[in-house]
Amino acid sequence: MTASNTHYVYVLECADGSLYTGYTTDVERRVREHEAGDGAKYTRGRTPVEVVHTESFESKSAAMSREYEIKGLSRTEKERLVGLWE
């Protein structure tokens, strides 16, 4: 399998109810890494995690810019984005 040409920003809901935003080229693989404790330090001890939002981009730079933007949102804004709160 070759590397994906699609870049993703994803939001996870952690077991403690917190939201984690990340970047990857393979969402399924990245979630498995988070679940195994090999993902971000933040998600260790907060498993299981559930993908609640993904966005796809054609370039890494666009995805990374969006990740940065989402990370800057308030909790309420993130909840609206992922559909947890109307």
PDB file of N, CA and C in Angstrom:
ATOM      1  N   MET A   1       0.853  -1.187   0.000  1.00  0.00           N
ATOM      2  CA  MET A   1       0.000   0.000   0.000  1.00  0.00           C
ATOM      3  C   MET A   1       0.892   1.241   0.000  1.00  0.00           C
ATOM      4  N   THR A   2       0.580   2.179  -0.842  1.00  0.00           N
ATOM      5  CA  THR A   2       1.370   3.407  -0.927  1.00  0.00           C
ATOM      6  C   THR A   2       0.778   4.484  -0.035  1.00  0.00           C
ATOM      7  N   ALA A   3       1.577   5.492   0.219  1.00  0.00           N
ATOM      8  CA  ALA A   3       1.108   6.606   1.047  1.00  0.00           C
ATOM      9  C   ALA A   3      -0.049   7.312   0.349  1.00  0.00           C
ATOM     10  N   SER A   4      -0.967   7.758   1.138  1.00  0.00           N
ATOM     11  CA  SER A   4      -2.146   8.433   0.606  1.00  0.00           C
ATOM     12  C   SER A   4      -1.797   9.825   0.102  1.00  0.00           C
ATOM     13  N   ASN A   5      -2.449  10.231  -0.977  1.00  0.00           N
ATOM     14  CA  ASN A   5      -2.307  11.592  -1.470  1.00  0.00           C
ATOM     15  C   ASN A   5      -3.325  12.511  -0.809  1.00  0.00           C
ATOM     16  N   THR A   6      -4.170  11.931   0.024  1.00  0.00           N
ATOM     17  CA  THR A   6      -5.167  12.701   0.739  1.00  0.00           C
ATOM     18  C   THR A   6      -4.692  12.901   2.174  1.00  0.00           C
ATOM     19  N   HIS A   7      -4.877  14.097   2.652  1.00  0.00           N
ATOM     20  CA  HIS A   7      -4.461  14.459   4.008  1.00  0.00           C
ATOM     21  C   HIS A   7      -5.715  14.759   4.815  1.00  0.00           C
ATOM     22  N   TYR A   8      -5.726  14.304   6.052  1.00  0.00           N
ATOM     23  CA  TYR A   8      -6.925  14.427   6.880  1.00  0.00           C
ATOM     24  C   TYR A   8      -6.639  15.156   8.187  1.00  0.00           C
ATOM     25  N   VAL A   9      -7.643  15.901   8.606  1.00  0.00           N
ATOM     26  CA  VAL A   9      -7.690  16.436   9.964  1.00  0.00           C
ATOM     27  C   VAL A   9      -8.838  15.682  10.613  1.00  0.00           C
ATOM     28  N   TYR A  10      -8.607  15.205  11.820  1.00  0.00           N
ATOM     29  CA  TYR A  10      -9.636  14.433  12.501  1.00  0.00           C
ATOM     30  C   TYR A  10      -9.806  14.944  13.924  1.00  0.00           C
ATOM     31  N   VAL A  11     -10.995  14.721  14.465  1.00  0.00           N
ATOM     32  CA  VAL A  11     -11.268  15.059  15.855  1.00  0.00           C
ATOM     33  C   VAL A  11     -11.739  13.784  16.534  1.00  0.00           C
ATOM     34  N   LEU A  12     -11.112  13.470  17.657  1.00  0.00           N
ATOM     35  CA  LEU A  12     -11.482  12.318  18.456  1.00  0.00           C
ATOM     36  C   LEU A  12     -12.198  12.781  19.711  1.00  0.00           C
ATOM     37  N   GLU A  13     -13.186  12.017  20.120  1.00  0.00           N
ATOM     38  CA  GLU A  13     -13.746  12.212  21.453  1.00  0.00           C
ATOM     39  C   GLU A  13     -13.121  11.125  22.322  1.00  0.00           C
ATOM     40  N   CYS A  14     -12.446  11.545  23.374  1.00  0.00           N
ATOM     41  CA  CYS A  14     -11.769  10.620  24.277  1.00  0.00           C
ATOM     42  C   CYS A  14     -12.745  10.102  25.328  1.00  0.00           C
ATOM     43  N   ALA A  15     -12.349   9.049  26.014  1.00  0.00           N
ATOM     44  CA  ALA A  15     -13.198   8.421  27.030  1.00  0.00           C
ATOM     45  C   ALA A  15     -13.590   9.398  28.127  1.00  0.00           C
ATOM     46  N   ASP A  16     -12.749  10.394  28.395  1.00  0.00           N
ATOM     47  CA  ASP A  16     -13.062  11.372  29.445  1.00  0.00           C
ATOM     48  C   ASP A  16     -13.918  12.529  28.938  1.00  0.00           C
ATOM     49  N   GLY A  17     -14.353  12.441  27.668  1.00  0.00           N
ATOM     50  CA  GLY A  17     -15.207  13.474  27.095  1.00  0.00           C
ATOM     51  C   GLY A  17     -14.450  14.611  26.429  1.00  0.00           C
ATOM     52  N   SER A  18     -13.123  14.602  26.544  1.00  0.00           N
ATOM     53  CA  SER A  18     -12.337  15.656  25.909  1.00  0.00           C
ATOM     54  C   SER A  18     -12.228  15.400  24.412  1.00  0.00           C
ATOM     55  N   LEU A  19     -11.884  16.443  23.680  1.00  0.00           N
ATOM     56  CA  LEU A  19     -11.730  16.361  22.227  1.00  0.00           C
ATOM     57  C   LEU A  19     -10.267  16.551  21.860  1.00  0.00           C
ATOM     58  N   TYR A  20      -9.777  15.716  20.941  1.00  0.00           N
ATOM     59  CA  TYR A  20      -8.398  15.794  20.466  1.00  0.00           C
ATOM     60  C   TYR A  20      -8.426  15.978  18.959  1.00  0.00           C
ATOM     61  N   THR A  21      -7.650  16.907  18.452  1.00  0.00           N
ATOM     62  CA  THR A  21      -7.570  17.157  17.016  1.00  0.00           C
ATOM     63  C   THR A  21      -6.193  16.771  16.512  1.00  0.00           C
ATOM     64  N   GLY A  22      -6.146  16.077  15.381  1.00  0.00           N
ATOM     65  CA  GLY A  22      -4.867  15.649  14.818  1.00  0.00           C
ATOM     66  C   GLY A  22      -4.884  15.646  13.306  1.00  0.00           C
ATOM     67  N   TYR A  23      -3.712  15.327  12.743  1.00  0.00           N
ATOM     68  CA  TYR A  23      -3.496  15.261  11.298  1.00  0.00           C
ATOM     69  C   TYR A  23      -2.966  13.877  10.945  1.00  0.00           C
ATOM     70  N   THR A  24      -3.358  13.350   9.796  1.00  0.00           N
ATOM     71  CA  THR A  24      -2.841  12.074   9.325  1.00  0.00           C
ATOM     72  C   THR A  24      -3.127  11.908   7.838  1.00  0.00           C
ATOM     73  N   THR A  25      -2.516  10.894   7.242  1.00  0.00           N
ATOM     74  CA  THR A  25      -2.868  10.494   5.882  1.00  0.00           C
ATOM     75  C   THR A  25      -3.696   9.212   5.899  1.00  0.00           C
ATOM     76  N   ASP A  26      -3.879   8.630   7.092  1.00  0.00           N
ATOM     77  CA  ASP A  26      -4.638   7.380   7.234  1.00  0.00           C
ATOM     78  C   ASP A  26      -5.343   7.395   8.586  1.00  0.00           C
ATOM     79  N   VAL A  27      -6.607   7.766   8.572  1.00  0.00           N
ATOM     80  CA  VAL A  27      -7.360   7.939   9.815  1.00  0.00           C
ATOM     81  C   VAL A  27      -7.476   6.621  10.586  1.00  0.00           C
ATOM     82  N   GLU A  28      -7.804   5.533   9.901  1.00  0.00           N
ATOM     83  CA  GLU A  28      -7.974   4.244  10.581  1.00  0.00           C
ATOM     84  C   GLU A  28      -6.691   3.813  11.284  1.00  0.00           C
ATOM     85  N   ARG A  29      -5.560   3.933  10.604  1.00  0.00           N
ATOM     86  CA  ARG A  29      -4.277   3.572  11.205  1.00  0.00           C
ATOM     87  C   ARG A  29      -3.988   4.445  12.411  1.00  0.00           C
ATOM     88  N   ARG A  30      -4.250   5.717  12.270  1.00  0.00           N
ATOM     89  CA  ARG A  30      -3.952   6.658  13.358  1.00  0.00           C
ATOM     90  C   ARG A  30      -4.814   6.373  14.582  1.00  0.00           C
ATOM     91  N   VAL A  31      -6.073   6.040  14.377  1.00  0.00           N
ATOM     92  CA  VAL A  31      -6.941   5.702  15.508  1.00  0.00           C
ATOM     93  C   VAL A  31      -6.421   4.440  16.201  1.00  0.00           C
ATOM     94  N   ARG A  32      -5.992   3.446  15.419  1.00  0.00           N
ATOM     95  CA  ARG A  32      -5.414   2.232  16.015  1.00  0.00           C
ATOM     96  C   ARG A  32      -4.193   2.580  16.868  1.00  0.00           C
ATOM     97  N   GLU A  33      -3.372   3.512  16.381  1.00  0.00           N
ATOM     98  CA  GLU A  33      -2.201   3.942  17.148  1.00  0.00           C
ATOM     99  C   GLU A  33      -2.620   4.612  18.455  1.00  0.00           C
ATOM    100  N   HIS A  34      -3.612   5.468  18.395  1.00  0.00           N
ATOM    101  CA  HIS A  34      -4.111   6.111  19.614  1.00  0.00           C
ATOM    102  C   HIS A  34      -4.620   5.046  20.594  1.00  0.00           C
ATOM    103  N   GLU A  35      -5.405   4.101  20.097  1.00  0.00           N
ATOM    104  CA  GLU A  35      -5.980   3.057  20.947  1.00  0.00           C
ATOM    105  C   GLU A  35      -4.895   2.197  21.597  1.00  0.00           C
ATOM    106  N   ALA A  36      -3.795   1.977  20.879  1.00  0.00           N
ATOM    107  CA  ALA A  36      -2.702   1.138  21.383  1.00  0.00           C
ATOM    108  C   ALA A  36      -1.755   1.901  22.309  1.00  0.00           C
ATOM    109  N   GLY A  37      -1.998   3.202  22.480  1.00  0.00           N
ATOM    110  CA  GLY A  37      -1.116   4.002  23.322  1.00  0.00           C
ATOM    111  C   GLY A  37       0.095   4.528  22.586  1.00  0.00           C
ATOM    112  N   ASP A  38       0.114   4.347  21.262  1.00  0.00           N
ATOM    113  CA  ASP A  38       1.235   4.806  20.440  1.00  0.00           C
ATOM    114  C   ASP A  38       0.924   6.112  19.723  1.00  0.00           C
ATOM    115  N   GLY A  39      -0.229   6.681  20.001  1.00  0.00           N
ATOM    116  CA  GLY A  39      -0.615   7.945  19.376  1.00  0.00           C
ATOM    117  C   GLY A  39      -0.041   9.103  20.168  1.00  0.00           C
ATOM    118  N   ALA A  40      -0.745  10.182  20.173  1.00  0.00           N
ATOM    119  CA  ALA A  40      -0.306  11.375  20.889  1.00  0.00           C
ATOM    120  C   ALA A  40      -0.270  11.131  22.389  1.00  0.00           C
ATOM    121  N   LYS A  41       0.645  11.798  23.055  1.00  0.00           N
ATOM    122  CA  LYS A  41       0.747  11.694  24.515  1.00  0.00           C
ATOM    123  C   LYS A  41      -0.592  12.044  25.167  1.00  0.00           C
ATOM    124  N   TYR A  42      -1.288  13.026  24.599  1.00  0.00           N
ATOM    125  CA  TYR A  42      -2.559  13.469  25.170  1.00  0.00           C
ATOM    126  C   TYR A  42      -3.580  12.341  25.267  1.00  0.00           C
ATOM    127  N   THR A  43      -3.640  11.478  24.256  1.00  0.00           N
ATOM    128  CA  THR A  43      -4.687  10.453  24.237  1.00  0.00           C
ATOM    129  C   THR A  43      -4.340   9.224  25.074  1.00  0.00           C
ATOM    130  N   ARG A  44      -3.089   9.080  25.483  1.00  0.00           N
ATOM    131  CA  ARG A  44      -2.729   7.942  26.333  1.00  0.00           C
ATOM    132  C   ARG A  44      -3.479   8.060  27.648  1.00  0.00           C
ATOM    133  N   GLY A  45      -4.125   6.992  28.051  1.00  0.00           N
ATOM    134  CA  GLY A  45      -4.904   7.022  29.279  1.00  0.00           C
ATOM    135  C   GLY A  45      -6.294   7.608  29.109  1.00  0.00           C
ATOM    136  N   ARG A  46      -6.612   8.035  27.886  1.00  0.00           N
ATOM    137  CA  ARG A  46      -7.943   8.588  27.624  1.00  0.00           C
ATOM    138  C   ARG A  46      -8.699   7.721  26.613  1.00  0.00           C
ATOM    139  N   THR A  47      -8.280   6.492  26.473  1.00  0.00           N
ATOM    140  CA  THR A  47      -8.938   5.577  25.547  1.00  0.00           C
ATOM    141  C   THR A  47     -10.104   4.896  26.254  1.00  0.00           C
ATOM    142  N   PRO A  48     -11.073   4.393  25.516  1.00  0.00           N
ATOM    143  CA  PRO A  48     -11.113   4.381  24.060  1.00  0.00           C
ATOM    144  C   PRO A  48     -11.436   5.761  23.480  1.00  0.00           C
ATOM    145  N   VAL A  49     -11.071   5.916  22.219  1.00  0.00           N
ATOM    146  CA  VAL A  49     -11.365   7.152  21.500  1.00  0.00           C
ATOM    147  C   VAL A  49     -12.318   6.843  20.357  1.00  0.00           C
ATOM    148  N   GLU A  50     -13.062   7.849  19.942  1.00  0.00           N
ATOM    149  CA  GLU A  50     -14.006   7.695  18.838  1.00  0.00           C
ATOM    150  C   GLU A  50     -13.832   8.862  17.879  1.00  0.00           C
ATOM    151  N   VAL A  51     -13.739   8.566  16.584  1.00  0.00           N
ATOM    152  CA  VAL A  51     -13.656   9.622  15.583  1.00  0.00           C
ATOM    153  C   VAL A  51     -15.021  10.282  15.486  1.00  0.00           C
ATOM    154  N   VAL A  52     -15.059  11.595  15.708  1.00  0.00           N
ATOM    155  CA  VAL A  52     -16.332  12.309  15.637  1.00  0.00           C
ATOM    156  C   VAL A  52     -16.365  13.305  14.480  1.00  0.00           C
ATOM    157  N   HIS A  53     -15.204  13.505  13.811  1.00  0.00           N
ATOM    158  CA  HIS A  53     -15.169  14.458  12.700  1.00  0.00           C
ATOM    159  C   HIS A  53     -13.916  14.223  11.871  1.00  0.00           C
ATOM    160  N   THR A  54     -14.044  14.282  10.551  1.00  0.00           N
ATOM    161  CA  THR A  54     -12.887  14.259   9.657  1.00  0.00           C
ATOM    162  C   THR A  54     -13.108  15.267   8.534  1.00  0.00           C
ATOM    163  N   GLU A  55     -12.019  15.801   8.059  1.00  0.00           N
ATOM    164  CA  GLU A  55     -12.014  16.674   6.881  1.00  0.00           C
ATOM    165  C   GLU A  55     -10.836  16.236   6.021  1.00  0.00           C
ATOM    166  N   SER A  56     -11.004  16.244   4.706  1.00  0.00           N
ATOM    167  CA  SER A  56      -9.923  15.836   3.813  1.00  0.00           C
ATOM    168  C   SER A  56      -9.420  17.018   2.988  1.00  0.00           C
ATOM    169  N   PHE A  57      -8.130  16.944   2.655  1.00  0.00           N
ATOM    170  CA  PHE A  57      -7.450  18.012   1.925  1.00  0.00           C
ATOM    171  C   PHE A  57      -6.493  17.404   0.904  1.00  0.00           C
ATOM    172  N   GLU A  58      -6.211  18.162  -0.136  1.00  0.00           N
ATOM    173  CA  GLU A  58      -5.300  17.687  -1.167  1.00  0.00           C
ATOM    174  C   GLU A  58      -3.840  17.937  -0.835  1.00  0.00           C
ATOM    175  N   SER A  59      -3.576  18.825   0.126  1.00  0.00           N
ATOM    176  CA  SER A  59      -2.189  19.106   0.481  1.00  0.00           C
ATOM    177  C   SER A  59      -1.992  19.039   1.990  1.00  0.00           C
ATOM    178  N   LYS A  60      -0.794  18.673   2.374  1.00  0.00           N
ATOM    179  CA  LYS A  60      -0.454  18.617   3.793  1.00  0.00           C
ATOM    180  C   LYS A  60      -0.567  20.005   4.412  1.00  0.00           C
ATOM    181  N   SER A  61      -0.117  21.014   3.701  1.00  0.00           N
ATOM    182  CA  SER A  61      -0.135  22.368   4.258  1.00  0.00           C
ATOM    183  C   SER A  61      -1.567  22.837   4.542  1.00  0.00           C
ATOM    184  N   ALA A  62      -2.494  22.519   3.649  1.00  0.00           N
ATOM    185  CA  ALA A  62      -3.892  22.907   3.885  1.00  0.00           C
ATOM    186  C   ALA A  62      -4.448  22.180   5.103  1.00  0.00           C
ATOM    187  N   ALA A  63      -4.141  20.895   5.222  1.00  0.00           N
ATOM    188  CA  ALA A  63      -4.614  20.117   6.367  1.00  0.00           C
ATOM    189  C   ALA A  63      -4.008  20.633   7.665  1.00  0.00           C
ATOM    190  N   MET A  64      -2.729  20.922   7.652  1.00  0.00           N
ATOM    191  CA  MET A  64      -2.068  21.412   8.863  1.00  0.00           C
ATOM    192  C   MET A  64      -2.615  22.787   9.264  1.00  0.00           C
ATOM    193  N   SER A  65      -2.926  23.613   8.297  1.00  0.00           N
ATOM    194  CA  SER A  65      -3.521  24.921   8.593  1.00  0.00           C
ATOM    195  C   SER A  65      -4.886  24.751   9.247  1.00  0.00           C
ATOM    196  N   ARG A  66      -5.672  23.824   8.730  1.00  0.00           N
ATOM    197  CA  ARG A  66      -6.994  23.574   9.294  1.00  0.00           C
ATOM    198  C   ARG A  66      -6.874  22.971  10.695  1.00  0.00           C
ATOM    199  N   GLU A  67      -5.924  22.073  10.899  1.00  0.00           N
ATOM    200  CA  GLU A  67      -5.710  21.501  12.227  1.00  0.00           C
ATOM    201  C   GLU A  67      -5.423  22.617  13.233  1.00  0.00           C
ATOM    202  N   TYR A  68      -4.551  23.520  12.856  1.00  0.00           N
ATOM    203  CA  TYR A  68      -4.197  24.647  13.724  1.00  0.00           C
ATOM    204  C   TYR A  68      -5.430  25.501  14.035  1.00  0.00           C
ATOM    205  N   GLU A  69      -6.242  25.720  13.000  1.00  0.00           N
ATOM    206  CA  GLU A  69      -7.465  26.513  13.156  1.00  0.00           C
ATOM    207  C   GLU A  69      -8.429  25.840  14.134  1.00  0.00           C
ATOM    208  N   ILE A  70      -8.641  24.538  13.975  1.00  0.00           N
ATOM    209  CA  ILE A  70      -9.557  23.811  14.853  1.00  0.00           C
ATOM    210  C   ILE A  70      -9.036  23.807  16.287  1.00  0.00           C
ATOM    211  N   LYS A  71      -7.734  23.620  16.451  1.00  0.00           N
ATOM    212  CA  LYS A  71      -7.156  23.608  17.797  1.00  0.00           C
ATOM    213  C   LYS A  71      -7.354  24.952  18.507  1.00  0.00           C
ATOM    214  N   GLY A  72      -7.524  26.016  17.741  1.00  0.00           N
ATOM    215  CA  GLY A  72      -7.741  27.340  18.317  1.00  0.00           C
ATOM    216  C   GLY A  72      -9.185  27.639  18.674  1.00  0.00           C
ATOM    217  N   LEU A  73     -10.103  26.736  18.304  1.00  0.00           N
ATOM    218  CA  LEU A  73     -11.515  26.946  18.606  1.00  0.00           C
ATOM    219  C   LEU A  73     -11.791  26.705  20.092  1.00  0.00           C
ATOM    220  N   SER A  74     -12.836  27.337  20.588  1.00  0.00           N
ATOM    221  CA  SER A  74     -13.274  27.073  21.961  1.00  0.00           C
ATOM    222  C   SER A  74     -13.920  25.692  22.003  1.00  0.00           C
ATOM    223  N   ARG A  75     -14.111  25.186  23.193  1.00  0.00           N
ATOM    224  CA  ARG A  75     -14.773  23.882  23.364  1.00  0.00           C
ATOM    225  C   ARG A  75     -16.155  23.906  22.702  1.00  0.00           C
ATOM    226  N   THR A  76     -16.915  24.956  22.920  1.00  0.00           N
ATOM    227  CA  THR A  76     -18.258  25.062  22.345  1.00  0.00           C
ATOM    228  C   THR A  76     -18.201  25.065  20.816  1.00  0.00           C
ATOM    229  N   GLU A  77     -17.257  25.803  20.255  1.00  0.00           N
ATOM    230  CA  GLU A  77     -17.109  25.843  18.795  1.00  0.00           C
ATOM    231  C   GLU A  77     -16.728  24.471  18.248  1.00  0.00           C
ATOM    232  N   LYS A  78     -15.868  23.757  18.947  1.00  0.00           N
ATOM    233  CA  LYS A  78     -15.491  22.401  18.516  1.00  0.00           C
ATOM    234  C   LYS A  78     -16.698  21.470  18.589  1.00  0.00           C
ATOM    235  N   GLU A  79     -17.475  21.590  19.651  1.00  0.00           N
ATOM    236  CA  GLU A  79     -18.673  20.746  19.778  1.00  0.00           C
ATOM    237  C   GLU A  79     -19.653  21.017  18.649  1.00  0.00           C
ATOM    238  N   ARG A  80     -19.809  22.266  18.259  1.00  0.00           N
ATOM    239  CA  ARG A  80     -20.676  22.599  17.121  1.00  0.00           C
ATOM    240  C   ARG A  80     -20.127  21.988  15.841  1.00  0.00           C
ATOM    241  N   LEU A  81     -18.805  22.098  15.647  1.00  0.00           N
ATOM    242  CA  LEU A  81     -18.163  21.569  14.446  1.00  0.00           C
ATOM    243  C   LEU A  81     -18.416  20.081  14.297  1.00  0.00           C
ATOM    244  N   VAL A  82     -18.285  19.340  15.378  1.00  0.00           N
ATOM    245  CA  VAL A  82     -18.402  17.885  15.298  1.00  0.00           C
ATOM    246  C   VAL A  82     -19.818  17.396  15.521  1.00  0.00           C
ATOM    247  N   GLY A  83     -20.752  18.302  15.788  1.00  0.00           N
ATOM    248  CA  GLY A  83     -22.149  17.925  15.916  1.00  0.00           C
ATOM    249  C   GLY A  83     -22.534  17.384  17.277  1.00  0.00           C
ATOM    250  N   LEU A  84     -21.732  17.668  18.290  1.00  0.00           N
ATOM    251  CA  LEU A  84     -22.067  17.228  19.651  1.00  0.00           C
ATOM    252  C   LEU A  84     -23.020  18.194  20.334  1.00  0.00           C
ATOM    253  N   TRP A  85     -23.108  19.391  19.794  1.00  0.00           N
ATOM    254  CA  TRP A  85     -23.905  20.435  20.422  1.00  0.00           C
ATOM    255  C   TRP A  85     -24.495  21.290  19.323  1.00  0.00           C
ATOM    256  N   GLU A  86     -25.735  21.557  19.401  1.00  0.00           N
ATOM    257  CA  GLU A  86     -26.387  22.356  18.351  1.00  0.00           C
ATOM    258  C   GLU A  86     -26.548  23.795  18.799  1.00  0.00           C
TER     259      GLU A  86
END
